[in-house]
Amino acid sequence: MPIWYDYTPGGHAWFVSGRDSLKTRLIRAARCTLMVEGPVEIADTAEGETEAMARRYLPPDAADAYLAQAANYPPEVTIRLSPEN
């Protein structure tokens, strides 16, 4: 399933998902593969993370429109993946 993600070498790959979504429930029960595999940390999405991800993937006008609707979305979590060699 396509998702928006971010990664800085040496850090965590991370993405945001619905707190109660099937995707998050399955990741909590197992592991995650996002081009690489590794253990995950799942926490409530911190302020600014949804905006950072939207601005990474969308043009400014589209990001603004997306973020204006984000308050109506179900609660989200941020999933951080630690790539393993």
N, C-alpha and C. Protein backbone atom coordinates (compact mmCIF):
# COMPACT_ATOMS: atom_id res chain seq x y z
N MET A 1 0.85 -1.16 0.00
CA MET A 1 0.00 0.00 0.00
C MET A 1 0.90 1.24 0.00
N PRO A 2 0.70 2.16 -0.92
CA PRO A 2 1.52 3.37 -0.94
C PRO A 2 1.28 4.22 0.31
N ILE A 3 2.35 4.73 0.85
CA ILE A 3 2.25 5.62 2.01
C ILE A 3 3.27 6.74 1.86
N TRP A 4 3.02 7.83 2.55
CA TRP A 4 4.01 8.90 2.63
C TRP A 4 4.98 8.52 3.74
N TYR A 5 6.25 8.65 3.48
CA TYR A 5 7.25 8.34 4.50
C TYR A 5 8.39 9.33 4.42
N ASP A 6 9.22 9.33 5.45
CA ASP A 6 10.42 10.16 5.47
C ASP A 6 11.54 9.31 6.06
N TYR A 7 12.76 9.59 5.64
CA TYR A 7 13.92 8.86 6.16
C TYR A 7 15.16 9.73 6.03
N THR A 8 15.95 9.77 7.08
CA THR A 8 17.26 10.40 7.07
C THR A 8 18.27 9.31 7.38
N PRO A 9 19.28 9.09 6.51
CA PRO A 9 20.25 8.04 6.77
C PRO A 9 20.80 8.12 8.20
N GLY A 10 20.86 6.98 8.84
CA GLY A 10 21.32 6.90 10.21
C GLY A 10 20.21 7.10 11.23
N GLY A 11 19.03 7.47 10.76
CA GLY A 11 17.89 7.70 11.65
C GLY A 11 16.80 6.67 11.41
N HIS A 12 15.58 7.06 11.76
CA HIS A 12 14.41 6.21 11.58
C HIS A 12 13.70 6.56 10.28
N ALA A 13 13.18 5.55 9.61
CA ALA A 13 12.16 5.79 8.59
C ALA A 13 10.88 6.00 9.37
N TRP A 14 10.03 6.94 8.95
CA TRP A 14 8.79 7.16 9.70
C TRP A 14 7.64 7.53 8.80
N PHE A 15 6.45 7.20 9.25
CA PHE A 15 5.23 7.54 8.55
C PHE A 15 4.10 7.64 9.56
N VAL A 16 2.99 8.20 9.12
CA VAL A 16 1.84 8.43 9.99
C VAL A 16 0.71 7.52 9.51
N SER A 17 -0.04 6.97 10.47
CA SER A 17 -1.15 6.09 10.14
C SER A 17 -2.26 6.29 11.16
N GLY A 18 -3.47 5.94 10.80
CA GLY A 18 -4.58 6.03 11.74
C GLY A 18 -4.32 5.19 12.98
N ARG A 19 -4.56 5.75 14.15
CA ARG A 19 -4.27 5.06 15.41
C ARG A 19 -4.96 3.70 15.48
N ASP A 20 -6.20 3.62 15.02
CA ASP A 20 -6.97 2.38 15.13
C ASP A 20 -7.13 1.66 13.80
N SER A 21 -6.32 2.03 12.80
CA SER A 21 -6.45 1.43 11.47
C SER A 21 -5.95 -0.02 11.48
N LEU A 22 -6.41 -0.78 10.50
CA LEU A 22 -5.95 -2.16 10.34
C LEU A 22 -4.42 -2.17 10.14
N LYS A 23 -3.91 -1.24 9.35
CA LYS A 23 -2.46 -1.19 9.11
C LYS A 23 -1.70 -1.07 10.42
N THR A 24 -2.11 -0.14 11.29
CA THR A 24 -1.42 0.06 12.57
C THR A 24 -1.57 -1.17 13.46
N ARG A 25 -2.76 -1.76 13.49
CA ARG A 25 -2.96 -2.95 14.33
C ARG A 25 -2.06 -4.09 13.87
N LEU A 26 -1.92 -4.28 12.57
CA LEU A 26 -1.04 -5.35 12.06
C LEU A 26 0.42 -5.06 12.37
N ILE A 27 0.84 -3.81 12.24
CA ILE A 27 2.23 -3.45 12.55
C ILE A 27 2.52 -3.67 14.03
N ARG A 28 1.56 -3.30 14.90
CA ARG A 28 1.76 -3.52 16.34
C ARG A 28 1.97 -5.00 16.64
N ALA A 29 1.30 -5.87 15.89
CA ALA A 29 1.34 -7.30 16.15
C ALA A 29 2.59 -7.97 15.57
N ALA A 30 3.29 -7.29 14.70
CA ALA A 30 4.41 -7.96 14.03
C ALA A 30 5.57 -6.99 13.82
N ARG A 31 6.02 -6.92 12.61
CA ARG A 31 7.09 -6.01 12.21
C ARG A 31 6.62 -5.26 10.98
N CYS A 32 7.51 -4.48 10.42
CA CYS A 32 7.13 -3.63 9.31
C CYS A 32 8.20 -3.72 8.23
N THR A 33 7.77 -3.71 6.99
CA THR A 33 8.70 -3.64 5.87
C THR A 33 8.36 -2.41 5.05
N LEU A 34 9.34 -1.56 4.88
CA LEU A 34 9.20 -0.35 4.09
C LEU A 34 10.48 -0.23 3.29
N MET A 35 10.58 -0.99 2.23
CA MET A 35 11.80 -1.10 1.42
C MET A 35 12.90 -1.81 2.19
N VAL A 36 12.86 -1.73 3.50
CA VAL A 36 13.76 -2.45 4.40
C VAL A 36 12.92 -2.97 5.55
N GLU A 37 13.48 -3.88 6.33
CA GLU A 37 12.75 -4.43 7.46
C GLU A 37 13.45 -4.07 8.76
N GLY A 38 12.67 -3.95 9.81
CA GLY A 38 13.26 -3.69 11.12
C GLY A 38 12.18 -3.50 12.17
N PRO A 39 12.60 -3.38 13.41
CA PRO A 39 11.65 -3.17 14.49
C PRO A 39 11.05 -1.77 14.41
N VAL A 40 9.88 -1.61 15.01
CA VAL A 40 9.17 -0.34 14.94
C VAL A 40 8.89 0.21 16.33
N GLU A 41 8.75 1.54 16.40
CA GLU A 41 8.25 2.25 17.58
C GLU A 41 6.99 2.96 17.11
N ILE A 42 5.91 2.88 17.90
CA ILE A 42 4.65 3.52 17.54
C ILE A 42 4.25 4.45 18.67
N ALA A 43 4.01 5.71 18.33
CA ALA A 43 3.63 6.71 19.34
C ALA A 43 2.63 7.68 18.72
N ASP A 44 1.88 8.37 19.57
CA ASP A 44 0.97 9.40 19.07
C ASP A 44 1.75 10.37 18.20
N THR A 45 1.13 10.82 17.13
CA THR A 45 1.78 11.76 16.22
C THR A 45 2.02 13.08 16.94
N ALA A 46 3.26 13.53 16.91
CA ALA A 46 3.65 14.78 17.56
C ALA A 46 3.22 15.97 16.71
N GLU A 47 3.04 17.09 17.38
CA GLU A 47 2.67 18.31 16.67
C GLU A 47 3.71 18.59 15.58
N GLY A 48 3.23 18.89 14.41
CA GLY A 48 4.10 19.24 13.30
C GLY A 48 4.45 18.09 12.38
N GLU A 49 4.27 16.84 12.82
CA GLU A 49 4.66 15.71 11.97
C GLU A 49 3.72 15.56 10.77
N THR A 50 2.43 15.71 10.97
CA THR A 50 1.49 15.61 9.85
C THR A 50 1.77 16.71 8.84
N GLU A 51 2.03 17.92 9.34
CA GLU A 51 2.33 19.03 8.43
C GLU A 51 3.63 18.79 7.67
N ALA A 52 4.66 18.31 8.36
CA ALA A 52 5.94 18.05 7.68
C ALA A 52 5.77 17.04 6.56
N MET A 53 4.99 16.00 6.82
CA MET A 53 4.79 14.98 5.80
C MET A 53 3.97 15.51 4.63
N ALA A 54 2.91 16.26 4.92
CA ALA A 54 2.08 16.82 3.85
C ALA A 54 2.90 17.75 2.97
N ARG A 55 3.73 18.57 3.57
CA ARG A 55 4.53 19.52 2.79
C ARG A 55 5.65 18.82 2.02
N ARG A 56 6.06 17.65 2.46
CA ARG A 56 7.07 16.87 1.72
C ARG A 56 6.48 16.35 0.41
N TYR A 57 5.21 15.97 0.42
CA TYR A 57 4.60 15.30 -0.73
C TYR A 57 3.68 16.16 -1.58
N LEU A 58 3.13 17.23 -1.04
CA LEU A 58 2.13 18.00 -1.77
C LEU A 58 2.63 19.40 -2.11
N PRO A 59 2.14 19.98 -3.23
CA PRO A 59 2.44 21.37 -3.51
C PRO A 59 1.83 22.24 -2.42
N PRO A 60 2.33 23.45 -2.21
CA PRO A 60 1.88 24.29 -1.10
C PRO A 60 0.36 24.45 -0.98
N ASP A 61 -0.33 24.74 -2.09
CA ASP A 61 -1.79 24.93 -2.01
C ASP A 61 -2.49 23.64 -1.61
N ALA A 62 -2.05 22.52 -2.17
CA ALA A 62 -2.66 21.24 -1.84
C ALA A 62 -2.36 20.86 -0.39
N ALA A 63 -1.16 21.14 0.08
CA ALA A 63 -0.80 20.85 1.47
C ALA A 63 -1.67 21.67 2.42
N ASP A 64 -1.88 22.94 2.09
CA ASP A 64 -2.73 23.79 2.93
C ASP A 64 -4.15 23.23 3.01
N ALA A 65 -4.70 22.80 1.88
CA ALA A 65 -6.05 22.25 1.85
C ALA A 65 -6.12 20.94 2.64
N TYR A 66 -5.12 20.09 2.46
CA TYR A 66 -5.06 18.82 3.19
C TYR A 66 -5.01 19.08 4.69
N LEU A 67 -4.14 19.99 5.11
CA LEU A 67 -3.97 20.28 6.53
C LEU A 67 -5.21 20.93 7.13
N ALA A 68 -5.95 21.70 6.34
CA ALA A 68 -7.19 22.30 6.84
C ALA A 68 -8.21 21.23 7.19
N GLN A 69 -8.16 20.10 6.51
CA GLN A 69 -9.08 19.00 6.77
C GLN A 69 -8.54 18.01 7.81
N ALA A 70 -7.26 18.07 8.11
CA ALA A 70 -6.62 17.07 8.98
C ALA A 70 -7.25 17.00 10.37
N ALA A 71 -7.79 18.10 10.86
CA ALA A 71 -8.42 18.08 12.19
C ALA A 71 -9.64 17.18 12.21
N ASN A 72 -10.21 16.89 11.05
CA ASN A 72 -11.39 16.03 10.96
C ASN A 72 -11.04 14.55 10.85
N TYR A 73 -9.77 14.23 10.70
CA TYR A 73 -9.36 12.84 10.53
C TYR A 73 -9.32 12.13 11.88
N PRO A 74 -9.42 10.80 11.90
CA PRO A 74 -9.29 10.07 13.16
C PRO A 74 -7.89 10.28 13.75
N PRO A 75 -7.71 10.03 15.05
CA PRO A 75 -6.38 10.18 15.67
C PRO A 75 -5.33 9.36 14.92
N GLU A 76 -4.13 9.90 14.85
CA GLU A 76 -3.05 9.23 14.14
C GLU A 76 -1.90 8.88 15.08
N VAL A 77 -1.08 7.94 14.62
CA VAL A 77 0.16 7.59 15.29
C VAL A 77 1.28 7.74 14.28
N THR A 78 2.49 7.94 14.78
CA THR A 78 3.67 7.95 13.93
C THR A 78 4.41 6.65 14.17
N ILE A 79 4.76 5.99 13.09
CA ILE A 79 5.45 4.70 13.14
C ILE A 79 6.86 4.93 12.66
N ARG A 80 7.83 4.65 13.53
CA ARG A 80 9.25 4.80 13.19
C ARG A 80 9.87 3.43 13.02
N LEU A 81 10.53 3.24 11.90
CA LEU A 81 11.13 1.97 11.53
C LEU A 81 12.65 2.11 11.60
N SER A 82 13.31 1.24 12.35
CA SER A 82 14.77 1.24 12.43
C SER A 82 15.31 0.20 11.47
N PRO A 83 15.83 0.64 10.30
CA PRO A 83 16.32 -0.34 9.32
C PRO A 83 17.44 -1.20 9.89
N GLU A 84 17.38 -2.48 9.57
CA GLU A 84 18.42 -3.42 9.96
C GLU A 84 19.25 -3.78 8.73
N ASN A 85 20.50 -4.10 8.96
CA ASN A 85 21.36 -4.52 7.84
C ASN A 85 21.03 -5.91 7.41
